[in-house]
Amino acid sequence: MRRSARLATKPMAASAQISSVSVSAADKSGKITKTKSKSKPKINSKAKPKLVDIPDSIATEIPMPLTIVSVPRPEVNTNLPIGTQQALDQAVAYLKATDPKLGKFIDTVSEPCSLSLSRDRKGHSGYVSLSQSIIYQQLAGKAAAAILLRFLKRYGQLKDASKAAMLEQDDASLVYDDFVFPSPDRVVALDVNEMREVGLGQRKAEYLKEVAKRFSDGVLSDQKLAEMTDEEVSRSLVSIRGVGQWTADMFLMFHLKRPDVLPTLDLAVRKAMCHHFGVRFSKNTPTHEEMVEMSRHWVPYRSVATWYMWRLMGTMTQKN
């Protein structure tokens, strides 16, 4: 397992000078070098930071120097959720101040940042969130949603008992929000072959039972997960068969809403960061360590920066 990016970064001093992050054109490995100005610049606190144009190509032969501005680092407990709009606004303002180039892109994004998934509902437990993540693994959204609905129709509980007749008739008007996800005890007792009848593969059915067992036995609970550090959550989740580091990172970001998560295994994030920092993308670069280094000035809001990297990747795909 790769070392988590969340605890691998040392805090930057608030008094650090302006520096440039770039990659040598002769260095094909994508190794990052940092250069510091020889004299301490005079900063006008009222002046707007200099913006840097986003390059048109995904990877450039000549590196684009990126101006990084040091500002006082906010005191943020990265184990606490960043679920409120006020907290997200604070994170966006900080990122725009420390990374003017990212700030310029943020200004082009019309939708507000939201660390939420369309299938998430207020009050969902960690068990439900993690189980749904497994169902969605390696599937297109519509296909996964259809399997999840079939799973709920067979094993879930109707919120409105008066719709029981509709369920018996397999009424197409029944939707995801009509059901309560089956309890951990219920899923532990299910037969894997029967679970496959709703469209789950054998391994996914087994993974769902593994997750359910951890919560049924009390090894995991919402309270225990909330009290864990990011690294402890990752270790606990990846020890479950079927849960990898990427799934653990998504759980940290979207369920626990931890502010400083950097999913270094996410292909879209890797490509977008290369585009943003002017680093050549390849099968082996950027490495986990290089991504951690590049993102130092985003700490303690790398979850929010990651959200914008996904949006940046979307614009890159449209251009191509």
C-alpha atoms as a PDB file:
ATOM      1  CA  MET A   1       0.000   0.000   0.000  1.00  0.00           C
ATOM      2  CA  ARG A   2       1.241   3.458  -0.837  1.00  0.00           C
ATOM      3  CA  ARG A   3       1.907   5.787   1.993  1.00  0.00           C
ATOM      4  CA  SER A   4      -0.947   8.204   2.464  1.00  0.00           C
ATOM      5  CA  ALA A   5      -0.360  11.664   1.025  1.00  0.00           C
ATOM      6  CA  ARG A   6      -2.180  13.261   3.896  1.00  0.00           C
ATOM      7  CA  LEU A   7       0.461  12.708   6.566  1.00  0.00           C
ATOM      8  CA  ALA A   8       3.509  12.768   4.332  1.00  0.00           C
ATOM      9  CA  THR A   9       3.605  16.542   3.953  1.00  0.00           C
ATOM     10  CA  LYS A  10       5.426  18.808   6.364  1.00  0.00           C
ATOM     11  CA  PRO A  11       3.791  22.209   6.994  1.00  0.00           C
ATOM     12  CA  MET A  12       5.285  25.150   5.128  1.00  0.00           C
ATOM     13  CA  ALA A  13       6.457  28.139   7.126  1.00  0.00           C
ATOM     14  CA  ALA A  14       4.111  31.098   6.845  1.00  0.00           C
ATOM     15  CA  SER A  15       7.060  33.394   6.203  1.00  0.00           C
ATOM     16  CA  ALA A  16       8.362  31.416   3.240  1.00  0.00           C
ATOM     17  CA  GLN A  17       9.444  33.475   0.238  1.00  0.00           C
ATOM     18  CA  ILE A  18       7.773  33.351  -3.150  1.00  0.00           C
ATOM     19  CA  SER A  19       9.162  30.415  -5.125  1.00  0.00           C
ATOM     20  CA  SER A  20       8.737  28.842  -8.538  1.00  0.00           C
ATOM     21  CA  VAL A  21       7.975  25.165  -9.136  1.00  0.00           C
ATOM     22  CA  SER A  22       9.203  23.910 -12.491  1.00  0.00           C
ATOM     23  CA  VAL A  23      10.612  20.885 -14.290  1.00  0.00           C
ATOM     24  CA  SER A  24      13.869  20.932 -16.191  1.00  0.00           C
ATOM     25  CA  ALA A  25      13.394  20.305 -19.915  1.00  0.00           C
ATOM     26  CA  ALA A  26      16.347  17.910 -19.757  1.00  0.00           C
ATOM     27  CA  ASP A  27      14.883  15.986 -16.846  1.00  0.00           C
ATOM     28  CA  LYS A  28      12.567  13.403 -18.365  1.00  0.00           C
ATOM     29  CA  SER A  29      11.646  11.922 -14.990  1.00  0.00           C
ATOM     30  CA  GLY A  30       9.412  14.860 -14.101  1.00  0.00           C
ATOM     31  CA  LYS A  31      11.432  15.620 -10.988  1.00  0.00           C
ATOM     32  CA  ILE A  32      10.394  18.892  -9.383  1.00  0.00           C
ATOM     33  CA  THR A  33      12.961  21.584  -8.618  1.00  0.00           C
ATOM     34  CA  LYS A  34      12.310  24.667  -6.542  1.00  0.00           C
ATOM     35  CA  THR A  35      14.087  27.984  -6.931  1.00  0.00           C
ATOM     36  CA  LYS A  36      13.930  30.807  -4.451  1.00  0.00           C
ATOM     37  CA  SER A  37      14.307  34.457  -5.208  1.00  0.00           C
ATOM     38  CA  LYS A  38      17.607  35.908  -4.015  1.00  0.00           C
ATOM     39  CA  SER A  39      16.001  38.837  -2.266  1.00  0.00           C
ATOM     40  CA  LYS A  40      12.859  38.939  -0.230  1.00  0.00           C
ATOM     41  CA  PRO A  41      10.144  40.568  -2.328  1.00  0.00           C
ATOM     42  CA  LYS A  42       8.013  43.426  -1.081  1.00  0.00           C
ATOM     43  CA  ILE A  43       4.422  42.266  -1.077  1.00  0.00           C
ATOM     44  CA  ASN A  44       1.535  44.718  -1.269  1.00  0.00           C
ATOM     45  CA  SER A  45      -1.199  43.000   0.732  1.00  0.00           C
ATOM     46  CA  LYS A  46      -3.848  44.973  -1.173  1.00  0.00           C
ATOM     47  CA  ALA A  47      -2.543  44.085  -4.614  1.00  0.00           C
ATOM     48  CA  LYS A  48      -3.990  41.150  -6.510  1.00  0.00           C
ATOM     49  CA  PRO A  49      -1.601  38.199  -7.064  1.00  0.00           C
ATOM     50  CA  LYS A  50      -0.191  37.844 -10.570  1.00  0.00           C
ATOM     51  CA  LEU A  51      -2.146  35.339 -12.602  1.00  0.00           C
ATOM     52  CA  VAL A  52      -0.500  32.767 -14.852  1.00  0.00           C
ATOM     53  CA  ASP A  53      -2.176  31.537 -18.034  1.00  0.00           C
ATOM     54  CA  ILE A  54      -3.110  27.861 -18.180  1.00  0.00           C
ATOM     55  CA  PRO A  55      -1.147  26.186 -21.006  1.00  0.00           C
ATOM     56  CA  ASP A  56      -3.194  24.860 -23.940  1.00  0.00           C
ATOM     57  CA  SER A  57      -1.440  21.507 -24.144  1.00  0.00           C
ATOM     58  CA  ILE A  58      -1.634  18.767 -21.553  1.00  0.00           C
ATOM     59  CA  ALA A  59       2.159  18.469 -21.364  1.00  0.00           C
ATOM     60  CA  THR A  60       4.682  20.999 -22.645  1.00  0.00           C
ATOM     61  CA  GLU A  61       8.285  20.614 -23.736  1.00  0.00           C
ATOM     62  CA  ILE A  62       9.155  23.940 -22.098  1.00  0.00           C
ATOM     63  CA  PRO A  63       7.996  24.085 -18.448  1.00  0.00           C
ATOM     64  CA  MET A  64       5.582  26.811 -17.412  1.00  0.00           C
ATOM     65  CA  PRO A  65       6.902  28.576 -14.279  1.00  0.00           C
ATOM     66  CA  LEU A  66       4.240  28.628 -11.591  1.00  0.00           C
ATOM     67  CA  THR A  67       4.222  31.449  -9.077  1.00  0.00           C
ATOM     68  CA  ILE A  68       3.472  30.214  -5.579  1.00  0.00           C
ATOM     69  CA  VAL A  69       2.497  32.798  -2.995  1.00  0.00           C
ATOM     70  CA  SER A  70       3.005  32.181   0.705  1.00  0.00           C
ATOM     71  CA  VAL A  71       0.177  33.307   2.943  1.00  0.00           C
ATOM     72  CA  PRO A  72      -0.447  32.554   6.625  1.00  0.00           C
ATOM     73  CA  ARG A  73      -1.591  28.950   6.863  1.00  0.00           C
ATOM     74  CA  PRO A  74      -5.030  28.614   8.473  1.00  0.00           C
ATOM     75  CA  GLU A  75      -5.280  26.528  11.600  1.00  0.00           C
ATOM     76  CA  VAL A  76      -7.384  23.613  10.384  1.00  0.00           C
ATOM     77  CA  ASN A  77      -7.996  20.306  12.123  1.00  0.00           C
ATOM     78  CA  THR A  78      -7.757  17.993   9.104  1.00  0.00           C
ATOM     79  CA  ASN A  79      -9.594  15.253  11.019  1.00  0.00           C
ATOM     80  CA  LEU A  80     -12.753  17.386  11.143  1.00  0.00           C
ATOM     81  CA  PRO A  81     -15.213  17.494   8.222  1.00  0.00           C
ATOM     82  CA  ILE A  82     -15.344  20.384   5.794  1.00  0.00           C
ATOM     83  CA  GLY A  83     -19.028  19.940   5.047  1.00  0.00           C
ATOM     84  CA  THR A  84     -20.379  23.472   5.369  1.00  0.00           C
ATOM     85  CA  GLN A  85     -20.446  25.997   2.542  1.00  0.00           C
ATOM     86  CA  GLN A  86     -18.649  28.500   4.757  1.00  0.00           C
ATOM     87  CA  ALA A  87     -15.771  26.070   5.272  1.00  0.00           C
ATOM     88  CA  LEU A  88     -15.605  25.333   1.539  1.00  0.00           C
ATOM     89  CA  ASP A  89     -15.586  29.053   0.730  1.00  0.00           C
ATOM     90  CA  GLN A  90     -12.691  29.520   3.155  1.00  0.00           C
ATOM     91  CA  ALA A  91     -10.801  26.688   1.461  1.00  0.00           C
ATOM     92  CA  VAL A  92     -11.382  28.142  -2.017  1.00  0.00           C
ATOM     93  CA  ALA A  93     -10.220  31.593  -0.909  1.00  0.00           C
ATOM     94  CA  TYR A  94      -7.047  30.085   0.560  1.00  0.00           C
ATOM     95  CA  LEU A  95      -6.264  28.119  -2.610  1.00  0.00           C
ATOM     96  CA  LYS A  96      -6.798  31.196  -4.787  1.00  0.00           C
ATOM     97  CA  ALA A  97      -4.367  33.144  -2.599  1.00  0.00           C
ATOM     98  CA  THR A  98      -1.619  30.501  -2.483  1.00  0.00           C
ATOM     99  CA  ASP A  99      -1.935  29.320  -6.088  1.00  0.00           C
ATOM    100  CA  PRO A 100      -2.964  32.237  -8.357  1.00  0.00           C
ATOM    101  CA  LYS A 101      -2.886  30.012 -11.430  1.00  0.00           C
ATOM    102  CA  LEU A 102      -5.407  27.665  -9.838  1.00  0.00           C
ATOM    103  CA  GLY A 103      -7.339  30.727  -8.717  1.00  0.00           C
ATOM    104  CA  LYS A 104      -7.687  31.872 -12.303  1.00  0.00           C
ATOM    105  CA  PHE A 105      -9.128  28.502 -13.268  1.00  0.00           C
ATOM    106  CA  ILE A 106     -11.452  28.463 -10.227  1.00  0.00           C
ATOM    107  CA  ASP A 107     -12.962  31.725 -11.464  1.00  0.00           C
ATOM    108  CA  THR A 108     -13.979  29.973 -14.704  1.00  0.00           C
ATOM    109  CA  VAL A 109     -15.868  27.162 -12.939  1.00  0.00           C
ATOM    110  CA  SER A 110     -19.554  28.043 -12.674  1.00  0.00           C
ATOM    111  CA  GLU A 111     -20.646  25.373 -10.197  1.00  0.00           C
ATOM    112  CA  PRO A 112     -19.669  25.726  -6.534  1.00  0.00           C
ATOM    113  CA  CYS A 113     -17.322  23.173  -5.021  1.00  0.00           C
ATOM    114  CA  SER A 114     -19.188  20.378  -3.257  1.00  0.00           C
ATOM    115  CA  LEU A 115     -17.658  17.354  -1.583  1.00  0.00           C
ATOM    116  CA  SER A 116     -20.810  15.301  -2.130  1.00  0.00           C
ATOM    117  CA  LEU A 117     -21.849  12.464  -4.440  1.00  0.00           C
ATOM    118  CA  SER A 118     -25.253  12.320  -6.119  1.00  0.00           C
ATOM    119  CA  ARG A 119     -26.072   9.045  -4.368  1.00  0.00           C
ATOM    120  CA  ASP A 120     -25.203  10.356  -0.913  1.00  0.00           C
ATOM    121  CA  ARG A 121     -27.999  11.314   1.429  1.00  0.00           C
ATOM    122  CA  LYS A 122     -27.928  13.181   4.718  1.00  0.00           C
ATOM    123  CA  GLY A 123     -27.692  10.688   7.550  1.00  0.00           C
ATOM    124  CA  HIS A 124     -26.107   7.900   5.504  1.00  0.00           C
ATOM    125  CA  SER A 125     -23.816   5.805   7.656  1.00  0.00           C
ATOM    126  CA  GLY A 126     -20.260   4.906   6.765  1.00  0.00           C
ATOM    127  CA  TYR A 127     -21.478   1.366   6.179  1.00  0.00           C
ATOM    128  CA  VAL A 128     -23.986   2.483   3.525  1.00  0.00           C
ATOM    129  CA  SER A 129     -21.504   4.827   1.851  1.00  0.00           C
ATOM    130  CA  LEU A 130     -18.762   2.210   1.673  1.00  0.00           C
ATOM    131  CA  SER A 131     -21.154  -0.501   0.454  1.00  0.00           C
ATOM    132  CA  GLN A 132     -22.427   1.731  -2.331  1.00  0.00           C
ATOM    133  CA  SER A 133     -18.851   2.574  -3.312  1.00  0.00           C
ATOM    134  CA  ILE A 134     -18.162  -1.118  -3.820  1.00  0.00           C
ATOM    135  CA  ILE A 135     -21.272  -1.528  -6.001  1.00  0.00           C
ATOM    136  CA  TYR A 136     -20.125   1.432  -8.131  1.00  0.00           C
ATOM    137  CA  GLN A 137     -16.517   0.210  -8.522  1.00  0.00           C
ATOM    138  CA  GLN A 138     -15.391  -0.054 -12.172  1.00  0.00           C
ATOM    139  CA  LEU A 139     -18.899   0.528 -13.540  1.00  0.00           C
ATOM    140  CA  ALA A 140     -20.513   3.360 -15.472  1.00  0.00           C
ATOM    141  CA  GLY A 141     -22.777   5.434 -13.248  1.00  0.00           C
ATOM    142  CA  LYS A 142     -26.080   4.369 -14.854  1.00  0.00           C
ATOM    143  CA  ALA A 143     -25.216   0.676 -14.800  1.00  0.00           C
ATOM    144  CA  ALA A 144     -24.150   0.831 -11.151  1.00  0.00           C
ATOM    145  CA  ALA A 145     -27.296   2.783 -10.190  1.00  0.00           C
ATOM    146  CA  ALA A 146     -29.484   0.136 -11.846  1.00  0.00           C
ATOM    147  CA  ILE A 147     -27.751  -2.673  -9.916  1.00  0.00           C
ATOM    148  CA  LEU A 148     -28.029  -0.738  -6.666  1.00  0.00           C
ATOM    149  CA  LEU A 149     -31.771  -0.230  -7.192  1.00  0.00           C
ATOM    150  CA  ARG A 150     -32.307  -3.946  -7.890  1.00  0.00           C
ATOM    151  CA  PHE A 151     -30.313  -4.746  -4.756  1.00  0.00           C
ATOM    152  CA  LEU A 152     -32.491  -2.397  -2.690  1.00  0.00           C
ATOM    153  CA  LYS A 153     -35.726  -3.762  -4.147  1.00  0.00           C
ATOM    154  CA  ARG A 154     -34.771  -7.280  -3.135  1.00  0.00           C
ATOM    155  CA  TYR A 155     -33.007  -6.704   0.184  1.00  0.00           C
ATOM    156  CA  GLY A 156     -33.843  -3.178   1.313  1.00  0.00           C
ATOM    157  CA  GLN A 157     -36.838  -1.918   3.226  1.00  0.00           C
ATOM    158  CA  LEU A 158     -39.497   0.399   1.845  1.00  0.00           C
ATOM    159  CA  LYS A 159     -39.733   3.702   3.669  1.00  0.00           C
ATOM    160  CA  ASP A 160     -43.453   3.862   2.845  1.00  0.00           C
ATOM    161  CA  ALA A 161     -45.233   0.571   3.556  1.00  0.00           C
ATOM    162  CA  SER A 162     -48.150   1.613   1.337  1.00  0.00           C
ATOM    163  CA  LYS A 163     -45.907   1.080  -1.697  1.00  0.00           C
ATOM    164  CA  ALA A 164     -45.555  -2.653  -1.012  1.00  0.00           C
ATOM    165  CA  ALA A 165     -47.948  -3.511  -3.843  1.00  0.00           C
ATOM    166  CA  MET A 166     -45.824  -1.468  -6.233  1.00  0.00           C
ATOM    167  CA  LEU A 167     -42.775  -3.456  -5.173  1.00  0.00           C
ATOM    168  CA  GLU A 168     -44.551  -6.773  -5.805  1.00  0.00           C
ATOM    169  CA  GLN A 169     -45.474  -5.571  -9.302  1.00  0.00           C
ATOM    170  CA  ASP A 170     -41.925  -4.361  -9.902  1.00  0.00           C
ATOM    171  CA  ASP A 171     -43.282  -0.899 -10.552  1.00  0.00           C
ATOM    172  CA  ALA A 172     -40.720   1.161 -12.489  1.00  0.00           C
ATOM    173  CA  SER A 173     -41.709   4.309 -10.593  1.00  0.00           C
ATOM    174  CA  LEU A 174     -39.965   3.053  -7.436  1.00  0.00           C
ATOM    175  CA  VAL A 175     -36.636   4.823  -7.029  1.00  0.00           C
ATOM    176  CA  TYR A 176     -33.532   4.760  -4.876  1.00  0.00           C
ATOM    177  CA  ASP A 177     -34.974   7.146  -2.285  1.00  0.00           C
ATOM    178  CA  ASP A 178     -37.931   4.834  -1.641  1.00  0.00           C
ATOM    179  CA  PHE A 179     -35.696   2.361   0.182  1.00  0.00           C
ATOM    180  CA  VAL A 180     -33.587   1.957   3.300  1.00  0.00           C
ATOM    181  CA  PHE A 181     -30.308   0.122   2.725  1.00  0.00           C
ATOM    182  CA  PRO A 182     -30.262  -3.373   4.310  1.00  0.00           C
ATOM    183  CA  SER A 183     -28.571  -3.582   7.710  1.00  0.00           C
ATOM    184  CA  PRO A 184     -25.116  -5.115   8.160  1.00  0.00           C
ATOM    185  CA  ASP A 185     -26.630  -8.161   9.903  1.00  0.00           C
ATOM    186  CA  ARG A 186     -28.988  -8.671   6.973  1.00  0.00           C
ATOM    187  CA  VAL A 187     -26.199  -8.525   4.373  1.00  0.00           C
ATOM    188  CA  VAL A 188     -23.929 -10.840   6.386  1.00  0.00           C
ATOM    189  CA  ALA A 189     -26.665 -13.484   6.258  1.00  0.00           C
ATOM    190  CA  LEU A 190     -27.238 -13.218   2.487  1.00  0.00           C
ATOM    191  CA  ASP A 191     -26.264 -15.954   0.053  1.00  0.00           C
ATOM    192  CA  VAL A 192     -23.625 -14.879  -2.487  1.00  0.00           C
ATOM    193  CA  ASN A 193     -25.227 -16.792  -5.370  1.00  0.00           C
ATOM    194  CA  GLU A 194     -28.560 -15.141  -4.664  1.00  0.00           C
ATOM    195  CA  MET A 195     -26.915 -11.715  -4.547  1.00  0.00           C
ATOM    196  CA  ARG A 196     -25.555 -12.310  -8.042  1.00  0.00           C
ATOM    197  CA  GLU A 197     -29.124 -12.424  -9.364  1.00  0.00           C
ATOM    198  CA  VAL A 198     -29.422  -8.634  -8.972  1.00  0.00           C
ATOM    199  CA  GLY A 199     -26.385  -8.072 -11.182  1.00  0.00           C
ATOM    200  CA  LEU A 200     -23.537  -8.225  -8.684  1.00  0.00           C
ATOM    201  CA  GLY A 201     -20.439 -10.186  -9.564  1.00  0.00           C
ATOM    202  CA  GLN A 202     -19.353 -12.879  -7.132  1.00  0.00           C
ATOM    203  CA  ARG A 203     -16.412 -10.876  -5.850  1.00  0.00           C
ATOM    204  CA  LYS A 204     -18.488  -7.752  -5.279  1.00  0.00           C
ATOM    205  CA  ALA A 205     -21.077  -9.809  -3.403  1.00  0.00           C
ATOM    206  CA  GLU A 206     -18.303 -11.187  -1.216  1.00  0.00           C
ATOM    207  CA  TYR A 207     -16.840  -7.699  -0.701  1.00  0.00           C
ATOM    208  CA  LEU A 208     -20.237  -6.381   0.428  1.00  0.00           C
ATOM    209  CA  LYS A 209     -20.474  -9.160   2.977  1.00  0.00           C
ATOM    210  CA  GLU A 210     -16.947  -8.367   4.211  1.00  0.00           C
ATOM    211  CA  VAL A 211     -17.863  -4.708   4.755  1.00  0.00           C
ATOM    212  CA  ALA A 212     -21.105  -5.675   6.475  1.00  0.00           C
ATOM    213  CA  LYS A 213     -19.241  -8.048   8.799  1.00  0.00           C
ATOM    214  CA  ARG A 214     -16.832  -5.318   9.955  1.00  0.00           C
ATOM    215  CA  PHE A 215     -19.752  -3.089  10.931  1.00  0.00           C
ATOM    216  CA  SER A 216     -21.866  -5.939  12.303  1.00  0.00           C
ATOM    217  CA  ASP A 217     -19.026  -7.102  14.568  1.00  0.00           C
ATOM    218  CA  GLY A 218     -18.357  -3.549  15.748  1.00  0.00           C
ATOM    219  CA  VAL A 219     -14.834  -3.462  14.329  1.00  0.00           C
ATOM    220  CA  LEU A 220     -15.934  -0.347  12.451  1.00  0.00           C
ATOM    221  CA  SER A 221     -18.585   2.206  13.354  1.00  0.00           C
ATOM    222  CA  ASP A 222     -19.365   5.795  12.483  1.00  0.00           C
ATOM    223  CA  GLN A 223     -18.027   6.951  15.825  1.00  0.00           C
ATOM    224  CA  LYS A 224     -14.769   5.021  15.478  1.00  0.00           C
ATOM    225  CA  LEU A 225     -14.215   6.286  11.940  1.00  0.00           C
ATOM    226  CA  ALA A 226     -14.909   9.884  12.968  1.00  0.00           C
ATOM    227  CA  GLU A 227     -12.288   9.647  15.718  1.00  0.00           C
ATOM    228  CA  MET A 228      -9.585   8.174  13.460  1.00  0.00           C
ATOM    229  CA  THR A 229      -6.944  10.176  11.604  1.00  0.00           C
ATOM    230  CA  ASP A 230      -6.909  10.003   7.808  1.00  0.00           C
ATOM    231  CA  GLU A 231      -4.076   7.489   7.924  1.00  0.00           C
ATOM    232  CA  GLU A 232      -5.911   5.297  10.444  1.00  0.00           C
ATOM    233  CA  VAL A 233      -9.080   5.339   8.339  1.00  0.00           C
ATOM    234  CA  SER A 234      -7.068   4.319   5.279  1.00  0.00           C
ATOM    235  CA  ARG A 235      -5.392   1.442   7.079  1.00  0.00           C
ATOM    236  CA  SER A 236      -8.719   0.210   8.466  1.00  0.00           C
ATOM    237  CA  LEU A 237     -10.496   0.321   5.117  1.00  0.00           C
ATOM    238  CA  VAL A 238      -7.800  -1.151   2.867  1.00  0.00           C
ATOM    239  CA  SER A 239      -7.583  -4.130   5.217  1.00  0.00           C
ATOM    240  CA  ILE A 240     -11.063  -5.074   3.952  1.00  0.00           C
ATOM    241  CA  ARG A 241     -11.005  -7.290   0.888  1.00  0.00           C
ATOM    242  CA  GLY A 242     -12.224  -5.292  -2.087  1.00  0.00           C
ATOM    243  CA  VAL A 243     -11.347  -1.872  -0.670  1.00  0.00           C
ATOM    244  CA  GLY A 244      -8.224  -0.241  -2.101  1.00  0.00           C
ATOM    245  CA  GLN A 245      -6.509   3.082  -1.428  1.00  0.00           C
ATOM    246  CA  TRP A 246      -8.536   4.927  -4.080  1.00  0.00           C
ATOM    247  CA  THR A 247     -11.823   3.802  -2.497  1.00  0.00           C
ATOM    248  CA  ALA A 248     -10.482   4.777   0.927  1.00  0.00           C
ATOM    249  CA  ASP A 249      -9.528   8.230  -0.393  1.00  0.00           C
ATOM    250  CA  MET A 250     -13.007   8.739  -1.881  1.00  0.00           C
ATOM    251  CA  PHE A 251     -14.558   7.710   1.432  1.00  0.00           C
ATOM    252  CA  LEU A 252     -12.382  10.202   3.284  1.00  0.00           C
ATOM    253  CA  MET A 253     -13.270  12.994   0.878  1.00  0.00           C
ATOM    254  CA  PHE A 254     -16.959  12.456   0.227  1.00  0.00           C
ATOM    255  CA  HIS A 255     -18.268  10.699   3.327  1.00  0.00           C
ATOM    256  CA  LEU A 256     -16.035  11.917   6.137  1.00  0.00           C
ATOM    257  CA  LYS A 257     -15.410  15.153   4.183  1.00  0.00           C
ATOM    258  CA  ARG A 258     -11.810  15.399   5.318  1.00  0.00           C
ATOM    259  CA  PRO A 259     -10.214  18.569   3.895  1.00  0.00           C
ATOM    260  CA  ASP A 260      -6.675  17.427   3.078  1.00  0.00           C
ATOM    261  CA  VAL A 261      -6.926  14.269   0.953  1.00  0.00           C
ATOM    262  CA  LEU A 262      -4.849  13.833  -2.207  1.00  0.00           C
ATOM    263  CA  PRO A 263      -5.830  10.707  -4.210  1.00  0.00           C
ATOM    264  CA  THR A 264      -2.510  10.045  -5.926  1.00  0.00           C
ATOM    265  CA  LEU A 265      -3.852   6.889  -7.597  1.00  0.00           C
ATOM    266  CA  ASP A 266      -6.582   8.795  -9.433  1.00  0.00           C
ATOM    267  CA  LEU A 267      -5.632   8.947 -13.131  1.00  0.00           C
ATOM    268  CA  ALA A 268      -7.616  12.119 -13.841  1.00  0.00           C
ATOM    269  CA  VAL A 269      -5.991  13.922 -10.916  1.00  0.00           C
ATOM    270  CA  ARG A 270      -2.530  12.835 -12.044  1.00  0.00           C
ATOM    271  CA  LYS A 271      -3.115  14.126 -15.587  1.00  0.00           C
ATOM    272  CA  ALA A 272      -4.684  17.377 -14.426  1.00  0.00           C
ATOM    273  CA  MET A 273      -1.828  18.099 -12.013  1.00  0.00           C
ATOM    274  CA  CYS A 274       0.692  17.536 -14.821  1.00  0.00           C
ATOM    275  CA  HIS A 275      -1.240  20.005 -16.952  1.00  0.00           C
ATOM    276  CA  HIS A 276      -1.464  22.529 -14.129  1.00  0.00           C
ATOM    277  CA  PHE A 277       2.216  22.368 -13.156  1.00  0.00           C
ATOM    278  CA  GLY A 278       3.638  21.938 -16.680  1.00  0.00           C
ATOM    279  CA  VAL A 279       4.982  18.461 -15.941  1.00  0.00           C
ATOM    280  CA  ARG A 280       5.137  15.767 -18.612  1.00  0.00           C
ATOM    281  CA  PHE A 281       2.686  12.943 -17.925  1.00  0.00           C
ATOM    282  CA  SER A 282       3.693   9.335 -18.509  1.00  0.00           C
ATOM    283  CA  LYS A 283       2.885   5.895 -17.193  1.00  0.00           C
ATOM    284  CA  ASN A 284       5.348   6.331 -14.340  1.00  0.00           C
ATOM    285  CA  THR A 285       5.143  10.077 -13.706  1.00  0.00           C
ATOM    286  CA  PRO A 286       4.177  11.876 -11.696  1.00  0.00           C
ATOM    287  CA  THR A 287       4.982   9.564  -8.820  1.00  0.00           C
ATOM    288  CA  HIS A 288       3.163   9.613  -5.496  1.00  0.00           C
ATOM    289  CA  GLU A 289       6.047  11.535  -3.943  1.00  0.00           C
ATOM    290  CA  GLU A 290       6.110  14.101  -6.765  1.00  0.00           C
ATOM    291  CA  MET A 291       2.364  14.722  -6.429  1.00  0.00           C
ATOM    292  CA  VAL A 292       2.758  15.241  -2.691  1.00  0.00           C
ATOM    293  CA  GLU A 293       5.558  17.724  -3.322  1.00  0.00           C
ATOM    294  CA  MET A 294       3.652  19.597  -6.025  1.00  0.00           C
ATOM    295  CA  SER A 295       0.619  19.946  -3.779  1.00  0.00           C
ATOM    296  CA  ARG A 296       2.433  21.281  -0.707  1.00  0.00           C
ATOM    297  CA  HIS A 297       1.034  24.781  -1.102  1.00  0.00           C
ATOM    298  CA  TRP A 298      -2.535  23.375  -1.259  1.00  0.00           C
ATOM    299  CA  VAL A 299      -2.251  21.976   2.280  1.00  0.00           C
ATOM    300  CA  PRO A 300      -4.535  21.858   4.296  1.00  0.00           C
ATOM    301  CA  TYR A 301      -7.173  21.907   1.533  1.00  0.00           C
ATOM    302  CA  ARG A 302      -6.011  19.297  -0.967  1.00  0.00           C
ATOM    303  CA  SER A 303      -9.486  17.706  -1.099  1.00  0.00           C
ATOM    304  CA  VAL A 304     -10.888  20.941  -2.508  1.00  0.00           C
ATOM    305  CA  ALA A 305      -7.940  21.355  -4.896  1.00  0.00           C
ATOM    306  CA  THR A 306      -8.554  17.781  -6.073  1.00  0.00           C
ATOM    307  CA  TRP A 307     -12.174  18.657  -6.867  1.00  0.00           C
ATOM    308  CA  TYR A 308     -10.917  21.445  -9.111  1.00  0.00           C
ATOM    309  CA  MET A 309      -8.388  19.106 -10.725  1.00  0.00           C
ATOM    310  CA  TRP A 310     -11.306  16.908 -11.800  1.00  0.00           C
ATOM    311  CA  ARG A 311     -13.005  19.966 -13.290  1.00  0.00           C
ATOM    312  CA  LEU A 312      -9.744  20.925 -15.027  1.00  0.00           C
ATOM    313  CA  MET A 313      -9.516  17.431 -16.507  1.00  0.00           C
ATOM    314  CA  GLY A 314     -13.035  17.903 -17.844  1.00  0.00           C
ATOM    315  CA  THR A 315     -12.019  21.033 -19.739  1.00  0.00           C
ATOM    316  CA  MET A 316      -8.909  19.297 -21.093  1.00  0.00           C
ATOM    317  CA  THR A 317     -11.050  16.443 -22.423  1.00  0.00           C
ATOM    318  CA  GLN A 318     -13.433  18.869 -24.116  1.00  0.00           C
ATOM    319  CA  LYS A 319     -10.569  20.686 -25.848  1.00  0.00           C
ATOM    320  CA  ASN A 320      -9.234  17.421 -27.209  1.00  0.00           C
END
